[in-house]
């Protein structure tokens, strides 16, 4: 198999349990780059949460943000990137989600992301504080209620609901029962990510494959969680990390070592790419 494009999730995949990129993983990505094989970072994160990692890897390939709702092109000589794809969520859908959570799930925090900003209804929420400590992202206040005060509501690529796992499970069920026209999935038990209906990691990967003139069978993808399954199944070689749940491993073509055991380099070596 001739691999010409590699996609990789970040948390639990590229990063180890200490939220770092190992030296061996950095070296393997460098070796791929020397061969002219792009290494595309794919994540539910916003651009500011992806670009520092890409700079650490010394690559300038396109990035897939917000679970596929935003694609930024290669970094140009001036440091800028063009928007290759942006699929925002309809404002009325966001208002419906916020209203539902506000009324029935007081333990859940709702926030939203535009291409480059993180919007929160209140900054002093414990879940917001926790997420800010992890990502280092600055918050911006935004009025979420649909009461006529949102005439200049920004384009939103992702809504993030954070709360106790049981409450998140219930919210996911209620969103489904209410027919909310959006795609939603848990990136971890306490996080429910919501993006536009037509957005997704595999759809974003397909667009980049077309742009790079690469066939589906010429791609490889790494992931560790349920939100990576569509990409793992779509790629020519879908590789689940050793730390992935059994259901994710079952949906992949192969399983590599865990993110704490340099699983990405191990798979790249096994496939003869480095």
Protein backbone atom coordinates (compact mmCIF):
# COMPACT_ATOMS: atom_id res chain seq x y z
CA UNK A 1 0.00 0.00 0.00
CA UNK A 2 1.37 3.42 -1.00
CA UNK A 3 0.32 5.98 1.64
CA UNK A 4 0.38 9.59 0.46
CA UNK A 5 -1.63 11.32 3.21
CA UNK A 6 -1.78 10.70 6.98
CA UNK A 7 -4.50 12.02 9.30
CA UNK A 8 -4.09 12.05 13.06
CA UNK A 9 -6.30 12.86 16.00
CA UNK A 10 -4.57 14.81 18.78
CA UNK A 11 -5.75 14.06 22.32
CA UNK A 12 -5.15 10.44 23.26
CA UNK A 13 -3.43 9.84 19.93
CA UNK A 14 -0.66 12.28 19.02
CA UNK A 15 -0.33 13.43 22.63
CA UNK A 16 0.63 11.10 25.46
CA UNK A 17 -1.04 11.07 28.88
CA UNK A 18 1.10 14.06 29.90
CA UNK A 19 -0.39 16.02 26.95
CA UNK A 20 2.98 16.06 25.20
CA UNK A 21 4.39 14.90 21.87
CA UNK A 22 7.17 12.38 22.43
CA UNK A 23 10.57 12.80 20.79
CA UNK A 24 10.05 9.62 18.80
CA UNK A 25 6.69 10.82 17.48
CA UNK A 26 8.17 14.19 16.51
CA UNK A 27 10.98 12.41 14.68
CA UNK A 28 8.55 10.13 12.84
CA UNK A 29 6.46 13.09 11.62
CA UNK A 30 9.69 14.80 10.49
CA UNK A 31 10.64 11.67 8.53
CA UNK A 32 7.19 11.64 6.88
CA UNK A 33 7.58 15.30 5.95
CA UNK A 34 10.97 14.60 4.39
CA UNK A 35 9.22 12.05 2.17
CA UNK A 36 6.63 14.62 1.13
CA UNK A 37 3.76 12.92 3.00
CA UNK A 38 1.48 15.49 4.69
CA UNK A 39 0.59 14.83 8.34
CA UNK A 40 -2.85 16.34 8.89
CA UNK A 41 -3.90 17.11 12.46
CA UNK A 42 -7.62 16.41 12.99
CA UNK A 43 -9.34 17.49 16.19
CA UNK A 44 -12.39 18.93 17.89
CA UNK A 45 -10.04 21.69 19.06
CA UNK A 46 -10.08 25.26 17.77
CA UNK A 47 -7.18 26.44 15.55
CA UNK A 48 -5.34 28.04 18.49
CA UNK A 49 -5.32 24.63 20.17
CA UNK A 50 -3.83 22.92 17.11
CA UNK A 51 -1.36 25.37 15.57
CA UNK A 52 1.17 25.34 18.46
CA UNK A 53 1.37 21.54 18.16
CA UNK A 54 1.85 21.80 14.42
CA UNK A 55 4.65 24.31 14.92
CA UNK A 56 6.24 21.94 17.44
CA UNK A 57 6.17 19.25 14.75
CA UNK A 58 7.71 21.75 12.29
CA UNK A 59 5.03 21.16 9.65
CA UNK A 60 2.72 23.58 7.85
CA UNK A 61 0.11 21.23 6.38
CA UNK A 62 -3.65 21.98 6.44
CA UNK A 63 -5.48 21.37 9.73
CA UNK A 64 -8.98 20.05 10.41
CA UNK A 65 -10.63 21.79 13.37
CA UNK A 66 -13.92 21.40 15.25
CA UNK A 67 -14.35 17.78 14.24
CA UNK A 68 -14.43 18.68 10.55
CA UNK A 69 -16.48 21.89 10.66
CA UNK A 70 -13.46 24.05 9.75
CA UNK A 71 -10.44 23.40 7.53
CA UNK A 72 -7.53 25.81 7.31
CA UNK A 73 -5.06 25.48 4.43
CA UNK A 74 -1.27 25.33 4.50
CA UNK A 75 0.56 28.09 6.31
CA UNK A 76 1.76 30.72 3.83
CA UNK A 77 5.04 32.65 3.91
CA UNK A 78 3.27 35.50 5.75
CA UNK A 79 2.02 33.08 8.43
CA UNK A 80 -1.60 33.28 7.27
CA UNK A 81 -3.90 30.45 6.18
CA UNK A 82 -6.91 30.44 3.90
CA UNK A 83 -10.22 28.94 5.03
CA UNK A 84 -10.81 25.89 2.84
CA UNK A 85 -14.10 24.95 4.51
CA UNK A 86 -16.32 26.41 7.22
CA UNK A 87 -19.65 24.87 8.19
CA UNK A 88 -21.30 26.87 10.99
CA UNK A 89 -24.31 25.77 13.01
CA UNK A 90 -27.56 27.63 12.39
CA UNK A 91 -28.14 30.18 15.21
CA UNK A 92 -31.67 28.91 15.90
CA UNK A 93 -30.23 25.43 16.59
CA UNK A 94 -27.74 26.91 19.05
CA UNK A 95 -30.50 28.85 20.81
CA UNK A 96 -32.61 25.69 21.07
CA UNK A 97 -29.73 23.73 22.59
CA UNK A 98 -28.93 26.47 25.08
CA UNK A 99 -32.59 26.86 26.08
CA UNK A 100 -32.97 23.12 26.58
CA UNK A 101 -29.81 22.88 28.70
CA UNK A 102 -30.61 26.01 30.68
CA UNK A 103 -34.07 24.71 31.61
CA UNK A 104 -33.42 21.03 32.19
CA UNK A 105 -29.68 20.49 32.79
CA UNK A 106 -28.37 23.15 35.20
CA UNK A 107 -25.23 21.10 35.91
CA UNK A 108 -24.13 21.37 32.25
CA UNK A 109 -22.12 24.26 30.88
CA UNK A 110 -22.66 25.43 27.27
CA UNK A 111 -20.02 27.29 25.29
CA UNK A 112 -19.41 27.89 21.58
CA UNK A 113 -16.54 28.37 19.16
CA UNK A 114 -16.20 30.56 16.09
CA UNK A 115 -13.17 30.06 13.83
CA UNK A 116 -10.87 31.83 16.29
CA UNK A 117 -12.82 32.67 19.47
CA UNK A 118 -14.30 30.77 22.41
CA UNK A 119 -17.63 32.22 23.56
CA UNK A 120 -19.09 31.58 27.01
CA UNK A 121 -22.31 32.81 28.68
CA UNK A 122 -20.53 33.22 32.01
CA UNK A 123 -16.77 33.04 32.75
CA UNK A 124 -16.97 31.86 36.36
CA UNK A 125 -18.25 28.37 35.67
CA UNK A 126 -16.14 25.49 37.03
CA UNK A 127 -16.27 23.58 33.73
CA UNK A 128 -15.18 26.66 31.78
CA UNK A 129 -12.33 27.28 34.21
CA UNK A 130 -11.21 23.67 33.91
CA UNK A 131 -11.24 23.72 30.11
CA UNK A 132 -9.41 27.04 30.05
CA UNK A 133 -6.69 25.58 32.26
CA UNK A 134 -6.24 22.70 29.80
CA UNK A 135 -6.27 24.71 26.56
CA UNK A 136 -5.09 28.16 27.69
CA UNK A 137 -7.76 29.69 25.46
CA UNK A 138 -9.13 33.14 26.24
CA UNK A 139 -12.90 33.40 26.76
CA UNK A 140 -15.28 35.97 25.27
CA UNK A 141 -18.71 36.68 26.75
CA UNK A 142 -21.71 36.01 24.49
CA UNK A 143 -25.45 36.22 25.08
CA UNK A 144 -26.89 32.83 24.10
CA UNK A 145 -30.61 33.24 24.82
CA UNK A 146 -32.98 33.82 21.90
CA UNK A 147 -34.59 37.02 23.18
CA UNK A 148 -33.93 39.50 20.38
CA UNK A 149 -30.55 40.60 21.74
CA UNK A 150 -28.54 38.50 19.29
CA UNK A 151 -28.74 40.51 16.08
CA UNK A 152 -24.99 40.16 15.46
CA UNK A 153 -24.63 36.58 16.62
CA UNK A 154 -21.28 35.25 15.30
CA UNK A 155 -20.84 32.25 13.01
CA UNK A 156 -20.37 29.25 15.31
CA UNK A 157 -18.52 26.10 14.20
CA UNK A 158 -18.92 24.09 17.40
CA UNK A 159 -20.97 24.01 20.60
CA UNK A 160 -19.40 22.30 23.60
CA UNK A 161 -21.50 20.97 26.48
CA UNK A 162 -19.55 19.99 29.61
CA UNK A 163 -20.99 18.36 32.70
CA UNK A 164 -21.28 15.23 34.83
CA UNK A 165 -21.26 12.07 32.63
CA UNK A 166 -24.79 11.04 33.64
CA UNK A 167 -26.15 14.46 32.72
CA UNK A 168 -24.26 14.42 29.41
CA UNK A 169 -25.75 10.99 28.60
CA UNK A 170 -29.24 12.32 29.33
CA UNK A 171 -28.65 15.44 27.23
CA UNK A 172 -27.50 13.35 24.27
CA UNK A 173 -30.70 11.30 24.52
CA UNK A 174 -32.89 14.41 24.77
CA UNK A 175 -31.20 16.08 21.78
CA UNK A 176 -31.89 12.96 19.75
CA UNK A 177 -35.52 12.75 20.91
CA UNK A 178 -36.05 16.44 20.11
CA UNK A 179 -34.73 16.00 16.58
CA UNK A 180 -32.00 18.62 16.93
CA UNK A 181 -30.59 19.00 13.42
CA UNK A 182 -26.89 18.74 14.25
CA UNK A 183 -24.21 16.10 14.69
CA UNK A 184 -23.22 15.40 18.28
CA UNK A 185 -20.85 12.97 19.94
CA UNK A 186 -18.99 12.52 23.21
CA UNK A 187 -15.27 13.24 22.99
CA UNK A 188 -15.07 12.00 26.58
CA UNK A 189 -17.74 11.05 29.14
CA UNK A 190 -18.16 14.63 30.37
CA UNK A 191 -17.93 16.43 26.98
CA UNK A 192 -20.59 16.51 24.26
CA UNK A 193 -19.39 18.13 21.03
CA UNK A 194 -22.00 19.54 18.63
CA UNK A 195 -21.28 20.55 15.03
CA UNK A 196 -23.27 21.18 11.85
CA UNK A 197 -25.18 18.23 10.44
CA UNK A 198 -23.08 17.92 7.28
CA UNK A 199 -19.75 18.36 9.05
CA UNK A 200 -17.51 15.48 10.09
CA UNK A 201 -13.93 14.27 10.13
CA UNK A 202 -14.34 11.93 7.17
CA UNK A 203 -16.09 14.61 5.07
CA UNK A 204 -13.24 17.02 5.80
CA UNK A 205 -10.68 14.34 4.97
CA UNK A 206 -12.44 13.68 1.65
CA UNK A 207 -12.17 17.36 0.72
CA UNK A 208 -8.43 17.40 1.46
CA UNK A 209 -7.92 14.15 -0.45
CA UNK A 210 -9.58 15.72 -3.48
CA UNK A 211 -7.48 18.86 -3.09
CA UNK A 212 -4.28 16.79 -2.87
CA UNK A 213 -5.37 14.39 -5.68
CA UNK A 214 -4.98 11.44 -3.32
CA UNK A 215 -7.11 8.30 -3.49
CA UNK A 216 -8.91 6.97 -0.45
CA UNK A 217 -6.80 3.80 -0.40
CA UNK A 218 -3.69 5.99 -0.26
CA UNK A 219 -4.57 7.44 3.15
CA UNK A 220 -3.93 6.45 6.75
CA UNK A 221 -5.68 7.71 9.88
CA UNK A 222 -4.96 7.44 13.60
CA UNK A 223 -7.55 7.80 16.38
CA UNK A 224 -8.43 6.68 19.88
CA UNK A 225 -12.08 7.44 20.50
CA UNK A 226 -15.62 7.09 19.19
CA UNK A 227 -15.50 10.49 17.47
CA UNK A 228 -12.64 9.14 15.33
CA UNK A 229 -14.53 6.08 14.07
CA UNK A 230 -15.92 7.64 10.90
CA UNK A 231 -12.41 8.74 9.90
CA UNK A 232 -10.84 5.38 10.78
CA UNK A 233 -13.45 3.56 8.70
CA UNK A 234 -13.09 6.03 5.82
CA UNK A 235 -9.29 5.98 5.48
CA UNK A 236 -7.48 3.36 3.47
CA UNK A 237 -5.75 2.24 6.66
CA UNK A 238 -7.57 3.14 9.87
CA UNK A 239 -5.31 2.63 12.88
CA UNK A 240 -6.75 2.58 16.41
CA UNK A 241 -4.46 3.41 19.30
CA UNK A 242 -3.79 0.76 21.92
CA UNK A 243 -5.57 2.94 24.48
CA UNK A 244 -8.77 3.08 22.39
CA UNK A 245 -11.99 1.37 23.59
CA UNK A 246 -12.58 -2.13 22.19
CA UNK A 247 -15.45 -0.89 19.99
CA UNK A 248 -13.12 1.61 18.32
CA UNK A 249 -10.46 -1.04 17.79
CA UNK A 250 -13.10 -3.29 16.24
CA UNK A 251 -14.01 -0.56 13.74
CA UNK A 252 -10.41 0.01 12.64
CA UNK A 253 -8.25 -1.91 10.19
CA UNK A 254 -5.47 -2.40 12.73
CA UNK A 255 -4.42 -1.50 16.26
CA UNK A 256 -1.06 -0.01 17.23
CA UNK A 257 0.58 0.63 20.60
CA UNK A 258 -0.93 3.18 23.01
CA UNK A 259 -0.29 6.92 22.95
CA UNK A 260 2.13 6.41 25.86
CA UNK A 261 4.07 3.78 23.91
CA UNK A 262 4.70 5.77 20.71
CA UNK A 263 1.85 4.10 18.84
CA UNK A 264 2.07 6.40 15.82
CA UNK A 265 5.76 5.73 15.06
CA UNK A 266 5.18 2.01 15.64
CA UNK A 267 2.44 1.90 12.99
CA UNK A 268 4.37 4.08 10.52
CA UNK A 269 7.31 1.69 10.87
CA UNK A 270 5.06 -1.35 10.49
CA UNK A 271 3.67 0.04 7.22
CA UNK A 272 7.17 0.90 5.97
CA UNK A 273 6.53 4.64 5.88
CA UNK A 274 9.55 5.54 8.03
